[in-house]
C-alpha atoms as a PDB file:
ATOM      1  CA  MET A   1     -11.664   7.847 -16.111  1.00  0.00           C
ATOM      2  CA  TYR A   2      -9.179   8.771 -13.378  1.00  0.00           C
ATOM      3  CA  GLN A   3      -5.573   9.168 -14.522  1.00  0.00           C
ATOM      4  CA  VAL A   4      -3.050   7.975 -11.914  1.00  0.00           C
ATOM      5  CA  SER A   5      -0.261  10.490 -11.234  1.00  0.00           C
ATOM      6  CA  ARG A   6       1.966   8.232  -9.133  1.00  0.00           C
ATOM      7  CA  GLU A   7       2.231   4.554  -9.984  1.00  0.00           C
ATOM      8  CA  SER A   8       2.309   2.030  -7.162  1.00  0.00           C
ATOM      9  CA  THR A   9       3.922  -1.359  -6.871  1.00  0.00           C
ATOM     10  CA  SER A  10       2.251  -4.399  -5.311  1.00  0.00           C
ATOM     11  CA  THR A  11       3.827  -7.201  -3.329  1.00  0.00           C
ATOM     12  CA  LEU A  12       2.666 -10.112  -1.209  1.00  0.00           C
ATOM     13  CA  VAL A  13       4.271 -10.173   2.245  1.00  0.00           C
ATOM     14  CA  SER A  14       4.309 -13.296   4.430  1.00  0.00           C
ATOM     15  CA  LEU A  15       3.529 -12.689   8.085  1.00  0.00           C
ATOM     16  CA  ARG A  16       2.735 -15.414  10.643  1.00  0.00           C
ATOM     17  CA  GLY A  17       1.749 -17.939   8.016  1.00  0.00           C
ATOM     18  CA  CYS A  18      -0.472 -15.574   5.998  1.00  0.00           C
ATOM     19  CA  ARG A  19       0.320 -13.581   2.885  1.00  0.00           C
ATOM     20  CA  TYR A  20      -0.839  -9.975   2.757  1.00  0.00           C
ATOM     21  CA  HIS A  21      -1.182  -7.735  -0.272  1.00  0.00           C
ATOM     22  CA  VAL A  22       0.814  -4.514   0.187  1.00  0.00           C
ATOM     23  CA  ARG A  23       0.831  -1.478  -2.118  1.00  0.00           C
ATOM     24  CA  HIS A  24       3.863   0.871  -2.156  1.00  0.00           C
ATOM     25  CA  TRP A  25       4.304   4.455  -3.376  1.00  0.00           C
ATOM     26  CA  GLY A  26       7.019   7.031  -2.907  1.00  0.00           C
ATOM     27  CA  ASN A  27      10.699   6.597  -2.263  1.00  0.00           C
ATOM     28  CA  PRO A  28      11.491   3.178  -0.732  1.00  0.00           C
ATOM     29  CA  ALA A  29      14.924   4.502   0.300  1.00  0.00           C
ATOM     30  CA  GLY A  30      13.498   7.678   1.853  1.00  0.00           C
ATOM     31  CA  THR A  31      14.973   8.804   5.152  1.00  0.00           C
ATOM     32  CA  ALA A  32      11.729   9.993   6.753  1.00  0.00           C
ATOM     33  CA  THR A  33       9.374   7.766   8.726  1.00  0.00           C
ATOM     34  CA  PRO A  34       7.145   5.699   6.393  1.00  0.00           C
ATOM     35  CA  LEU A  35       3.509   6.694   6.053  1.00  0.00           C
ATOM     36  CA  VAL A  36       1.467   3.528   6.737  1.00  0.00           C
ATOM     37  CA  LEU A  37      -2.176   3.563   5.615  1.00  0.00           C
ATOM     38  CA  ALA A  38      -4.801   1.118   6.903  1.00  0.00           C
ATOM     39  CA  HIS A  39      -8.203   1.066   5.209  1.00  0.00           C
ATOM     40  CA  GLY A  40     -11.513   0.447   6.901  1.00  0.00           C
ATOM     41  CA  TRP A  41     -14.204  -2.142   6.352  1.00  0.00           C
ATOM     42  CA  MET A  42     -15.217  -2.812   2.743  1.00  0.00           C
ATOM     43  CA  ASP A  43     -12.250  -0.943   1.276  1.00  0.00           C
ATOM     44  CA  VAL A  44      -8.900  -1.824  -0.332  1.00  0.00           C
ATOM     45  CA  ALA A  45      -5.365  -0.416  -0.304  1.00  0.00           C
ATOM     46  CA  ALA A  46      -5.796   0.969  -3.830  1.00  0.00           C
ATOM     47  CA  SER A  47      -8.402   3.387  -2.429  1.00  0.00           C
ATOM     48  CA  TYR A  48      -5.512   5.577  -1.259  1.00  0.00           C
ATOM     49  CA  GLN A  49      -4.437   6.332  -4.846  1.00  0.00           C
ATOM     50  CA  PHE A  50      -6.367   9.631  -4.844  1.00  0.00           C
ATOM     51  CA  MET A  51      -4.749  10.732  -1.581  1.00  0.00           C
ATOM     52  CA  VAL A  52      -1.230   9.744  -2.638  1.00  0.00           C
ATOM     53  CA  ASP A  53      -1.659  11.624  -5.923  1.00  0.00           C
ATOM     54  CA  ALA A  54      -2.666  14.742  -3.952  1.00  0.00           C
ATOM     55  CA  LEU A  55       0.466  14.709  -1.734  1.00  0.00           C
ATOM     56  CA  SER A  56       3.285  17.104  -2.607  1.00  0.00           C
ATOM     57  CA  GLU A  57       6.227  15.793  -4.608  1.00  0.00           C
ATOM     58  CA  ALA A  58       8.596  16.717  -1.748  1.00  0.00           C
ATOM     59  CA  PHE A  59       6.550  14.646   0.728  1.00  0.00           C
ATOM     60  CA  VAL A  60       6.474  11.606  -1.561  1.00  0.00           C
ATOM     61  CA  GLN A  61      10.215  11.787  -2.291  1.00  0.00           C
ATOM     62  CA  GLN A  62      11.127  11.874   1.417  1.00  0.00           C
ATOM     63  CA  ARG A  63       9.368   8.730   2.567  1.00  0.00           C
ATOM     64  CA  PRO A  64       7.924   5.392   1.597  1.00  0.00           C
ATOM     65  CA  ILE A  65       4.118   5.181   1.571  1.00  0.00           C
ATOM     66  CA  ILE A  66       2.651   1.772   2.373  1.00  0.00           C
ATOM     67  CA  ALA A  67      -0.972   0.586   2.303  1.00  0.00           C
ATOM     68  CA  PHE A  68      -1.943  -2.983   3.104  1.00  0.00           C
ATOM     69  CA  ASP A  69      -5.075  -5.025   2.608  1.00  0.00           C
ATOM     70  CA  TRP A  70      -6.538  -6.697   5.682  1.00  0.00           C
ATOM     71  CA  ARG A  71      -7.050 -10.445   5.538  1.00  0.00           C
ATOM     72  CA  GLY A  72     -10.082 -11.268   3.476  1.00  0.00           C
ATOM     73  CA  TYR A  73      -9.601  -8.309   1.116  1.00  0.00           C
ATOM     74  CA  ARG A  74      -8.164  -8.114  -2.356  1.00  0.00           C
ATOM     75  CA  SER A  75      -5.068 -10.235  -3.151  1.00  0.00           C
ATOM     76  CA  GLU A  76      -4.147 -11.692   0.227  1.00  0.00           C
ATOM     77  CA  GLU A  77      -4.112 -15.443   0.568  1.00  0.00           C
ATOM     78  CA  ARG A  78      -5.209 -17.846   3.267  1.00  0.00           C
ATOM     79  CA  ARG A  79      -2.634 -19.484   5.503  1.00  0.00           C
ATOM     80  CA  VAL A  80       0.429 -20.525   3.501  1.00  0.00           C
ATOM     81  CA  GLY A  81       0.397 -24.272   2.849  1.00  0.00           C
ATOM     82  CA  LYS A  82      -3.285 -24.783   3.771  1.00  0.00           C
END
């Protein structure tokens, strides 16, 4: 079984009446531009775990890494209040 090297955190973010599942790695207070990852069809944000684990420690410490799930995938919810 795969052993994760860098743990992620998950949050739900509200945007235009919908809640999206977002996975975060790296340094949230990093000064470099965030690396934003968008998966393709039939995939989820957690799929990037292998890639994030392969990045250098210096890269991960300099910037936040963010991967989101498109609507209809994983932990996102339908319109808030509906």
